[in-house]
Amino acid sequence: MGKSSIIYVMGLTLIIGLALNTIGHNSLKSVDAYTAYYATTQVHNIAVSGANIGTNYLLNGGGAPPNFGVTFFGGTDSVSYLTDVPEPLWVTMRSVSVTNMADKDGNAFRDTVEGVFKHVQFAKFSWFTESEVNGYIDKNGNHGPYYGAADWKITGDSVWGPAHTNNHFNLDGTPYFHDKITASLAATLGPTAHPVYNGGFQWGIQKKRPNTSSLEAKLTAAAGWFYDGNTNGGNDVGMTFLNENVRVQAPPLGGGMDTTMPITTLAPNGVMVVKNADLRLKGVYSGSLTVAAFSGTGATANKGNIWIDGDIVANVNPVNNPDSPDMLGIIAGRMAYITENNSRSSSSQLNIQAAVYCQNGELTAENFWTIPVSGRVNLFGGVTQISAGSLGLFSPGPPLHFLHGFAYNIHNDPRFETRQPPNFPYSDSYELVSWWEN
C-alpha cells in the first residue's frame, strides 16, 4: 500500500508537471503569436500609410516627388520613387516600413507596399476632348457653320477604348462606351438617354494636356528631320509613305523638292516635324514614327495643319497582329483634316491606323456639311483634340439618315496602353497601373 501510494504520487506529480509545462509553453507561444500578429499588422499598416502618402504626393504633383521618410505608430517608413521602372514614363513607388519590435530571433518586423504609376499617355484614348462642342475652323481661320454647337453622341455611336472629356459629354439614346468613360463634369442627358457604360463611368476627373509651347519645343528638339516653310519658299509638304521609304514633296503637288528615300535615312529616330507649313499624308508606313506640323506667326498663323489625303496604314496590320512593330503618331498644332474628295461614295472606306493629336483644333472632314455621303472612316488608334470634330452631317430621324460626309468607327489600339509612338504627347500627371501589398 505504501509503495503503491508513493508510485501514485510520483506519477501524479509527473503528469501535473508535464501539464503545467505544456500550459506554460502554450502560453508563451500564444504571447509570441499575439506579439507577432500585432507587429506584422502594425508594420503593414505603417507601409500602407506611407504608400498612401506617397501616392497622394505623386498624383497631386507635377512629377515624381523626392524620396522621403516618416516616423510614426511605433516604427519608421521610407518611400522611394523609381522613375522609368518598369517602363519608360512609368514610376514605381516603394514604401518600406520597419517597427521598433523584434521577433524571437531579434529581427525587426518589416513590410513593403508598391504602386506602379504611369504618365497619362494620350495615345491610349479612343476619344479625348477638352470640350464636347464643334470647333471647325477652315484653312484660312474662318469658323464653320456649326462652330460652337454641342456635339451629341446618340444611338449608333460607339467608342471602343478609353473616352474622356475635360468638360461633359452630351448623350441621348443608347450610345455605347466599351471601356471606362471619364469626364470633369457629369454627362448632360437628352430626353431618351440610356447610355451603355460597359466599362463604367467616373465624373470629377481632369486630365491636363501640355501647353503648345512646351509641346512644340519638345518635338522640335527631338526631330530627326525638321522642315521650316519660311526658309523653303513658303511651301507646304507632302509625304507619301511607301513601306520602308517615303516620298517627300514641297509643294505637295510637285514643282519643287521631290525626293524618295528610306524613312530611317530621313529621320533615324522616326520623328519628323514641319514648322510654318501644312503637312499632307497618305500611304503605307513601316516602323515607329511621329509626324507633326506647327504654325508660326503672321502669314503662317493658320498653318500647322495635317491633311489626310488617303489611307494611311501600317505595313504590318495592327488590327490583325498585336505584335506589329509599326505605329504612327500624327500631331497637328492646329487642325487635322480629311481632305475633300468628291469621288467618294456611301460604300467608300478610309482607313487610318494612328494616334491623332490636335493641340489647338480637331480631327474633322473638310467641308463635312457640304460634301457627298462619303462612306466610313475607320480609325484604329484614337484622337485627342481640343473640341469634338465632326466628320458628317445627319438628320436626327428616326431613322438616322446621313446627309453629308462620313460615318466613323473608332477602335483603340491596345498597344498604346503600354507604349506609344516616339515623343507622342503625355501629361505631367500620373495614373495608377497596379498596386501590390506583401
Protein backbone atom coordinates (compact mmCIF):
# COMPACT_ATOMS: atom_id res chain seq x y z
CA MET A 1 0.00 0.00 0.00
CA GLY A 2 2.76 2.37 0.96
CA LYS A 3 4.86 1.62 -2.15
CA SER A 4 1.89 1.95 -4.49
CA SER A 5 0.95 5.26 -2.89
CA ILE A 6 4.44 6.58 -3.49
CA ILE A 7 4.29 5.49 -7.14
CA TYR A 8 0.84 7.07 -7.49
CA VAL A 9 2.04 10.36 -6.01
CA MET A 10 5.14 10.38 -8.19
CA GLY A 11 3.09 9.66 -11.34
CA LEU A 12 0.54 12.32 -10.50
CA THR A 13 3.33 14.79 -9.82
CA LEU A 14 4.92 13.98 -13.19
CA ILE A 15 1.60 14.35 -15.03
CA ILE A 16 0.85 17.65 -13.34
CA GLY A 17 4.37 18.87 -14.11
CA LEU A 18 4.03 17.97 -17.76
CA ALA A 19 0.64 19.60 -17.92
CA LEU A 20 1.92 22.78 -16.28
CA ASN A 21 4.90 22.81 -18.62
CA THR A 22 2.62 22.42 -21.62
CA ILE A 23 0.32 25.14 -20.35
CA GLY A 24 3.27 27.44 -19.79
CA HIS A 25 4.74 26.65 -23.19
CA ASN A 26 1.44 27.23 -24.92
CA SER A 27 1.00 30.45 -23.01
CA LEU A 28 4.40 31.64 -24.20
CA LYS A 29 3.58 30.58 -27.77
CA SER A 30 0.28 32.43 -27.56
CA VAL A 31 2.07 35.54 -26.35
CA ASP A 32 4.64 35.16 -29.14
CA ALA A 33 1.89 34.60 -31.71
CA TYR A 34 -0.05 37.60 -30.47
CA THR A 35 3.10 39.71 -30.45
CA ALA A 36 3.99 38.60 -34.00
CA TYR A 37 0.44 39.23 -35.22
CA TYR A 38 0.39 42.67 -33.63
CA ALA A 39 3.82 43.54 -35.03
CA THR A 40 3.07 42.30 -38.58
CA THR A 41 -0.26 44.16 -38.57
CA GLN A 42 1.44 47.26 -37.25
CA VAL A 43 4.27 47.20 -39.78
CA HIS A 44 1.85 46.54 -42.64
CA ASN A 45 -0.33 49.46 -41.60
CA ILE A 46 2.75 51.69 -41.48
CA ALA A 47 3.76 50.59 -45.02
CA VAL A 48 0.24 51.16 -46.37
CA SER A 49 0.01 54.56 -44.70
CA GLY A 50 3.36 55.61 -46.14
CA ALA A 51 2.30 54.33 -49.58
CA ASN A 52 -0.92 56.34 -49.40
CA ILE A 53 1.02 59.48 -48.51
CA GLY A 54 3.49 58.78 -51.32
CA THR A 55 0.64 58.19 -53.78
CA ASN A 56 -1.01 61.47 -52.82
CA TYR A 57 2.25 63.36 -53.42
CA LEU A 58 2.66 61.68 -56.81
CA LEU A 59 -0.88 62.12 -58.11
CA ASN A 60 -1.24 65.73 -56.98
CA GLY A 61 2.19 66.96 -58.03
CA GLY A 62 3.75 67.82 -61.35
CA GLY A 63 6.18 64.92 -61.49
CA ALA A 64 7.92 62.35 -59.32
CA PRO A 65 8.49 63.92 -55.87
CA PRO A 66 11.69 63.42 -53.86
CA ASN A 67 12.12 60.34 -51.68
CA PHE A 68 11.08 60.83 -48.06
CA GLY A 69 10.84 59.06 -44.71
CA VAL A 70 8.46 59.33 -41.75
CA THR A 71 8.39 58.03 -38.17
CA PHE A 72 5.02 57.18 -36.64
CA PHE A 73 2.92 54.45 -34.99
CA GLY A 74 5.90 52.76 -33.33
CA GLY A 75 8.01 52.42 -36.46
CA THR A 76 9.56 54.13 -39.49
CA ASP A 77 8.72 54.18 -43.19
CA SER A 78 10.76 55.19 -46.22
CA VAL A 79 9.14 55.98 -49.56
CA SER A 80 11.20 55.99 -52.75
CA TYR A 81 10.32 56.65 -56.42
CA LEU A 82 11.95 54.64 -59.19
CA THR A 83 11.46 56.54 -62.44
CA ASP A 84 11.19 54.77 -65.80
CA VAL A 85 10.51 51.49 -63.94
CA PRO A 86 9.26 49.09 -65.21
CA GLU A 87 8.62 51.03 -68.47
CA PRO A 88 9.67 54.43 -69.81
CA LEU A 89 7.40 57.20 -68.43
CA TRP A 90 6.38 54.90 -65.55
CA VAL A 91 7.21 55.26 -61.85
CA THR A 92 7.35 52.57 -59.17
CA MET A 93 6.56 53.97 -55.72
CA ARG A 94 8.00 51.72 -52.97
CA SER A 95 7.06 52.05 -49.29
CA VAL A 96 9.28 50.05 -46.86
CA SER A 97 8.37 50.03 -43.16
CA VAL A 98 10.21 48.79 -40.05
CA THR A 99 8.82 48.54 -36.49
CA ASN A 100 10.60 49.02 -33.21
CA MET A 101 9.57 45.46 -32.26
CA ALA A 102 11.65 42.34 -32.95
CA ASP A 103 10.78 38.68 -33.43
CA LYS A 104 12.12 35.84 -31.26
CA ASP A 105 15.34 35.85 -33.26
CA GLY A 106 15.88 39.56 -32.71
CA ASN A 107 14.96 40.64 -36.25
CA ALA A 108 12.84 43.75 -36.71
CA PHE A 109 9.48 43.31 -38.43
CA ARG A 110 9.46 44.73 -41.99
CA ASP A 111 6.91 45.12 -44.80
CA THR A 112 6.78 46.54 -48.32
CA VAL A 113 3.99 48.03 -50.43
CA GLU A 114 4.49 49.03 -54.07
CA GLY A 115 2.39 51.02 -56.52
CA VAL A 116 3.15 51.36 -60.21
CA PHE A 117 2.06 54.57 -61.94
CA LYS A 118 2.46 55.99 -65.43
CA HIS A 119 2.08 59.36 -67.05
CA VAL A 120 -1.32 59.80 -68.65
CA GLN A 121 -0.46 58.85 -72.24
CA PHE A 122 -2.83 60.37 -74.78
CA ALA A 123 -2.20 57.72 -77.41
CA LYS A 124 -4.32 55.29 -75.39
CA PHE A 125 -7.54 57.30 -75.73
CA SER A 126 -10.01 56.41 -78.42
CA TRP A 127 -11.68 59.75 -77.76
CA PHE A 128 -10.40 62.74 -75.78
CA THR A 129 -11.60 66.35 -75.87
CA GLU A 130 -11.27 69.49 -73.83
CA SER A 131 -14.91 70.26 -74.61
CA GLU A 132 -17.70 68.46 -76.46
CA VAL A 133 -18.52 71.24 -78.92
CA ASN A 134 -17.79 71.65 -82.61
CA GLY A 135 -14.66 73.68 -83.28
CA TYR A 136 -14.35 73.59 -87.08
CA ILE A 137 -12.01 76.26 -88.45
CA ASP A 138 -11.03 76.26 -92.12
CA LYS A 139 -7.54 76.66 -93.53
CA ASN A 140 -7.97 80.46 -93.60
CA GLY A 141 -9.03 80.70 -89.96
CA ASN A 142 -12.78 81.07 -90.57
CA HIS A 143 -15.35 79.30 -88.38
CA GLY A 144 -17.56 76.61 -89.89
CA PRO A 145 -21.38 76.93 -89.77
CA TYR A 146 -21.69 74.64 -86.73
CA TYR A 147 -18.88 76.21 -84.73
CA GLY A 148 -19.67 76.14 -81.00
CA ALA A 149 -22.64 73.76 -81.34
CA ALA A 150 -22.84 70.91 -78.83
CA ASP A 151 -21.61 67.53 -80.04
CA TRP A 152 -24.01 64.71 -79.15
CA LYS A 153 -23.32 61.00 -79.03
CA ILE A 154 -26.51 59.15 -79.84
CA THR A 155 -27.89 55.73 -80.72
CA GLY A 156 -25.50 54.07 -83.15
CA ASP A 157 -22.41 55.86 -81.84
CA SER A 158 -19.80 53.68 -80.14
CA VAL A 159 -16.37 54.21 -78.66
CA TRP A 160 -14.15 51.16 -78.30
CA GLY A 161 -11.45 52.23 -75.89
CA PRO A 162 -11.00 54.83 -73.13
CA ALA A 163 -13.03 58.04 -73.58
CA HIS A 164 -12.59 61.31 -71.70
CA THR A 165 -13.54 64.96 -71.82
CA ASN A 166 -12.36 67.77 -69.58
CA ASN A 167 -15.92 69.12 -69.74
CA HIS A 168 -19.08 66.99 -70.05
CA PHE A 169 -20.47 64.54 -72.60
CA ASN A 170 -23.83 65.15 -74.30
CA LEU A 171 -25.68 61.84 -74.57
CA ASP A 172 -29.03 60.76 -75.90
CA GLY A 173 -30.46 57.42 -76.97
CA THR A 174 -28.13 54.47 -76.42
CA PRO A 175 -24.55 55.42 -77.31
CA TYR A 176 -22.14 52.61 -76.40
CA PHE A 177 -18.88 53.00 -74.48
CA HIS A 178 -16.94 49.75 -74.37
CA ASP A 179 -14.28 50.89 -71.88
CA LYS A 180 -14.41 53.25 -68.94
CA ILE A 181 -15.63 56.76 -69.67
CA THR A 182 -14.41 59.69 -67.54
CA ALA A 183 -15.15 63.40 -67.52
CA SER A 184 -14.67 66.50 -65.42
CA LEU A 185 -18.45 67.03 -65.17
CA ALA A 186 -21.45 64.70 -65.17
CA ALA A 187 -22.93 63.95 -68.58
CA THR A 188 -25.76 66.04 -69.98
CA LEU A 189 -28.54 63.59 -70.87
CA GLY A 190 -31.19 64.00 -73.52
CA PRO A 191 -34.86 63.04 -73.05
CA THR A 192 -34.36 59.44 -74.26
CA ALA A 193 -30.86 58.89 -72.85
CA HIS A 194 -29.91 55.37 -71.80
CA PRO A 195 -26.16 55.30 -72.49
CA VAL A 196 -24.36 51.98 -72.18
CA TYR A 197 -21.27 52.22 -69.94
CA ASN A 198 -19.81 48.76 -70.43
CA GLY A 199 -16.63 49.68 -68.54
CA GLY A 200 -18.25 52.00 -66.03
CA PHE A 201 -18.01 55.78 -65.69
CA GLN A 202 -16.46 58.32 -63.34
CA TRP A 203 -17.05 62.06 -63.17
CA GLY A 204 -14.83 64.62 -61.48
CA ILE A 205 -11.71 63.57 -63.40
CA GLN A 206 -9.45 66.15 -65.06
CA LYS A 207 -6.55 65.21 -67.33
CA LYS A 208 -4.15 68.03 -68.15
CA ARG A 209 -2.60 68.33 -71.60
CA PRO A 210 0.78 70.01 -72.24
CA ASN A 211 0.72 73.62 -73.42
CA THR A 212 1.52 74.45 -77.03
CA SER A 213 4.94 75.99 -76.48
CA SER A 214 6.28 73.08 -74.42
CA LEU A 215 4.86 70.50 -76.85
CA GLU A 216 6.40 72.25 -79.85
CA ALA A 217 9.73 72.75 -78.09
CA LYS A 218 9.99 69.07 -77.12
CA LEU A 219 9.17 67.81 -80.59
CA THR A 220 11.41 70.32 -82.35
CA ALA A 221 14.31 69.35 -80.10
CA ALA A 222 13.66 65.66 -80.79
CA ALA A 223 13.16 66.00 -84.55
CA GLY A 224 15.20 63.64 -86.67
CA TRP A 225 14.01 65.69 -89.66
CA PHE A 226 12.91 69.32 -89.46
CA TYR A 227 11.40 71.46 -92.21
CA ASP A 228 10.71 75.20 -91.96
CA GLY A 229 8.31 76.59 -94.54
CA ASN A 230 9.70 80.10 -94.06
CA THR A 231 13.09 79.01 -95.37
CA ASN A 232 11.69 76.83 -98.15
CA GLY A 233 9.74 79.28 -100.27
CA GLY A 234 6.65 79.14 -98.07
CA ASN A 235 5.83 75.69 -99.41
CA ASP A 236 3.76 73.06 -97.66
CA VAL A 237 4.99 69.45 -97.55
CA GLY A 238 3.53 66.20 -98.85
CA MET A 239 4.61 62.80 -97.54
CA THR A 240 3.68 59.56 -99.26
CA PHE A 241 4.79 56.53 -97.26
CA LEU A 242 5.98 53.60 -99.37
CA ASN A 243 6.60 50.92 -96.71
CA GLU A 244 10.24 51.45 -95.66
CA ASN A 245 10.57 54.52 -97.91
CA VAL A 246 8.94 57.93 -98.00
CA ARG A 247 8.43 60.36 -100.85
CA VAL A 248 8.77 63.99 -99.76
CA GLN A 249 7.42 66.78 -101.98
CA ALA A 250 7.39 70.52 -101.39
CA PRO A 251 5.00 71.80 -102.59
CA PRO A 252 2.88 68.63 -102.27
CA LEU A 253 1.69 68.58 -105.89
CA GLY A 254 5.20 68.93 -107.34
CA GLY A 255 7.17 71.67 -108.97
CA GLY A 256 9.82 71.86 -106.29
CA MET A 257 11.55 69.40 -103.99
CA ASP A 258 10.72 65.78 -104.83
CA THR A 259 12.80 63.03 -103.26
CA THR A 260 12.28 59.43 -102.17
CA MET A 261 14.46 57.81 -99.51
CA PRO A 262 14.33 55.30 -96.65
CA ILE A 263 12.38 56.58 -93.66
CA THR A 264 15.37 55.76 -91.45
CA THR A 265 17.57 57.99 -93.62
CA LEU A 266 15.17 60.93 -93.49
CA ALA A 267 14.59 60.63 -89.73
CA PRO A 268 16.68 57.97 -87.94
CA ASN A 269 14.67 58.36 -84.72
CA GLY A 270 11.31 58.39 -86.52
CA VAL A 271 10.38 61.98 -85.55
CA MET A 272 9.54 64.38 -88.40
CA VAL A 273 8.49 67.97 -87.70
CA VAL A 274 7.19 70.69 -90.03
CA LYS A 275 7.06 74.34 -88.95
CA ASN A 276 5.33 77.27 -90.69
CA ALA A 277 3.73 74.85 -93.12
CA ASP A 278 0.99 72.25 -93.54
CA LEU A 279 1.74 68.55 -93.91
CA ARG A 280 -0.18 66.19 -96.23
CA LEU A 281 -0.08 62.43 -95.56
CA LYS A 282 -1.00 59.12 -97.16
CA GLY A 283 0.46 55.67 -97.80
CA VAL A 284 1.78 52.59 -96.00
CA TYR A 285 4.38 53.21 -93.29
CA SER A 286 6.93 50.97 -91.56
CA GLY A 287 8.48 51.48 -88.15
CA SER A 288 7.59 53.59 -85.12
CA LEU A 289 7.03 57.15 -86.34
CA THR A 290 5.70 60.52 -85.27
CA VAL A 291 4.93 63.35 -87.70
CA ALA A 292 4.00 66.84 -86.55
CA ALA A 293 3.09 70.22 -88.02
CA PHE A 294 3.12 73.56 -86.22
CA SER A 295 2.06 77.07 -87.17
CA GLY A 296 4.01 80.27 -86.94
CA THR A 297 3.07 83.94 -86.73
CA GLY A 298 1.86 86.43 -89.27
CA ALA A 299 1.39 84.83 -92.69
CA THR A 300 1.82 81.32 -91.24
CA ALA A 301 -0.54 81.72 -88.28
CA ASN A 302 -3.08 79.42 -89.93
CA LYS A 303 -0.51 76.78 -90.86
CA GLY A 304 0.33 73.75 -88.73
CA ASN A 305 -2.47 71.59 -90.18
CA ILE A 306 -2.34 67.92 -91.09
CA TRP A 307 -4.18 66.84 -94.25
CA ILE A 308 -5.02 63.14 -94.63
CA ASP A 309 -5.21 62.68 -98.39
CA GLY A 310 -5.93 58.94 -98.39
CA ASP A 311 -5.43 55.73 -96.42
CA ILE A 312 -2.53 55.86 -94.01
CA VAL A 313 -1.91 52.38 -92.62
CA ALA A 314 0.82 50.21 -91.12
CA ASN A 315 2.86 47.76 -93.17
CA VAL A 316 2.14 45.05 -90.55
CA ASN A 317 -1.55 45.46 -89.80
CA PRO A 318 -2.02 46.00 -86.02
CA VAL A 319 -5.71 45.12 -86.30
CA ASN A 320 -4.76 41.52 -87.04
CA ASN A 321 -1.32 41.43 -85.44
CA PRO A 322 -0.97 42.96 -81.95
CA ASP A 323 2.80 42.44 -82.20
CA SER A 324 3.09 44.79 -85.19
CA PRO A 325 6.25 46.91 -84.88
CA ASP A 326 4.63 49.70 -86.92
CA MET A 327 2.89 52.60 -85.18
CA LEU A 328 2.25 56.21 -86.12
CA GLY A 329 1.60 59.39 -84.18
CA ILE A 330 0.05 62.31 -86.06
CA ILE A 331 0.34 65.66 -84.26
CA ALA A 332 -1.28 68.83 -85.56
CA GLY A 333 -0.60 72.12 -83.86
CA ARG A 334 -3.89 73.24 -85.35
CA MET A 335 -6.40 71.08 -87.31
CA ALA A 336 -6.31 67.59 -88.83
CA TYR A 337 -8.48 67.47 -91.97
CA ILE A 338 -9.63 64.51 -94.02
CA THR A 339 -9.21 66.01 -97.46
CA GLU A 340 -12.35 66.62 -99.51
CA ASN A 341 -12.70 64.11 -102.35
CA ASN A 342 -15.99 64.17 -104.23
CA SER A 343 -15.28 60.82 -105.89
CA ARG A 344 -16.13 59.01 -102.65
CA SER A 345 -19.49 57.28 -102.27
CA SER A 346 -21.58 55.74 -99.49
CA SER A 347 -19.60 52.49 -99.83
CA SER A 348 -16.17 54.12 -99.56
CA GLN A 349 -13.78 53.26 -96.73
CA LEU A 350 -10.95 55.47 -95.45
CA ASN A 351 -8.52 53.68 -93.12
CA ILE A 352 -6.30 55.46 -90.61
CA GLN A 353 -4.05 53.48 -88.29
CA ALA A 354 -2.57 56.09 -85.98
CA ALA A 355 -2.92 58.05 -82.78
CA VAL A 356 -4.06 61.53 -83.83
CA TYR A 357 -3.43 64.54 -81.61
CA CYS A 358 -4.69 68.10 -82.31
CA GLN A 359 -3.27 70.65 -79.91
CA ASN A 360 -5.48 73.63 -80.83
CA GLY A 361 -8.01 72.06 -83.19
CA GLU A 362 -9.78 68.84 -84.02
CA LEU A 363 -9.90 65.89 -86.40
CA THR A 364 -12.59 66.65 -88.95
CA ALA A 365 -13.59 66.18 -92.58
CA GLU A 366 -13.00 69.16 -94.83
CA ASN A 367 -16.37 70.86 -95.51
CA PHE A 368 -18.21 67.96 -93.83
CA TRP A 369 -21.58 69.74 -94.13
CA THR A 370 -21.48 70.01 -97.95
CA ILE A 371 -19.51 67.02 -99.28
CA PRO A 372 -21.39 63.96 -100.60
CA VAL A 373 -22.10 60.99 -98.36
CA SER A 374 -18.59 59.55 -98.33
CA GLY A 375 -18.74 56.18 -96.58
CA ARG A 376 -16.91 55.40 -93.39
CA VAL A 377 -13.68 56.41 -91.65
CA ASN A 378 -12.08 53.50 -89.80
CA LEU A 379 -9.68 54.91 -87.21
CA PHE A 380 -7.65 52.25 -85.42
CA GLY A 381 -5.89 54.21 -82.70
CA GLY A 382 -7.71 57.26 -81.42
CA VAL A 383 -7.96 61.02 -81.36
CA THR A 384 -7.09 63.66 -78.75
CA GLN A 385 -8.37 67.14 -79.62
CA ILE A 386 -9.45 70.43 -78.12
CA SER A 387 -13.00 70.17 -79.47
CA ALA A 388 -15.22 67.41 -80.86
CA GLY A 389 -14.50 67.18 -84.56
CA SER A 390 -17.40 66.30 -86.86
CA LEU A 391 -16.99 64.06 -89.88
CA GLY A 392 -20.51 64.28 -91.25
CA LEU A 393 -23.98 65.74 -91.05
CA PHE A 394 -27.13 63.72 -90.45
CA SER A 395 -30.84 64.20 -89.84
CA PRO A 396 -31.80 63.08 -86.33
CA GLY A 397 -34.67 60.88 -87.55
CA PRO A 398 -35.75 58.40 -86.59
CA PRO A 399 -34.37 56.70 -88.53
CA LEU A 400 -30.87 58.16 -88.55
CA HIS A 401 -30.11 59.41 -92.07
CA PHE A 402 -26.75 60.69 -93.26
CA LEU A 403 -26.84 63.79 -95.42
CA HIS A 404 -23.17 64.60 -95.93
CA GLY A 405 -19.72 63.32 -95.02
CA PHE A 406 -18.61 60.23 -93.17
CA ALA A 407 -19.80 57.81 -90.57
CA TYR A 408 -16.95 56.66 -88.39
CA ASN A 409 -15.69 53.71 -86.41
CA ILE A 410 -13.02 54.41 -83.77
CA HIS A 411 -11.29 51.48 -82.13
CA ASN A 412 -8.39 51.83 -79.74
CA ASP A 413 -5.04 50.19 -80.45
CA PRO A 414 -4.31 48.03 -77.35
CA ARG A 415 -0.57 48.51 -77.83
CA PHE A 416 -0.96 52.14 -76.81
CA GLU A 417 -1.86 51.12 -73.26
CA THR A 418 1.81 50.43 -72.54
CA ARG A 419 3.76 52.17 -75.32
CA GLN A 420 3.25 54.88 -77.88
CA PRO A 421 4.86 56.48 -80.95
CA PRO A 422 8.15 58.32 -80.28
CA ASN A 423 7.78 61.60 -78.37
CA PHE A 424 3.99 61.44 -78.52
CA PRO A 425 2.40 63.88 -76.02
CA TYR A 426 1.74 62.83 -72.46
CA SER A 427 0.55 64.57 -69.32
CA ASP A 428 2.79 65.53 -66.42
CA SER A 429 0.24 63.87 -64.11
CA TYR A 430 0.12 60.15 -63.31
CA GLU A 431 -2.45 57.39 -63.09
CA LEU A 432 -2.32 54.11 -61.14
CA VAL A 433 -1.42 50.95 -63.07
CA SER A 434 -1.09 48.36 -60.29
CA TRP A 435 -0.88 48.02 -56.50
CA TRP A 436 0.95 45.29 -54.56
CA GLU A 437 0.95 44.55 -50.84
CA ASN A 438 3.16 41.93 -49.24
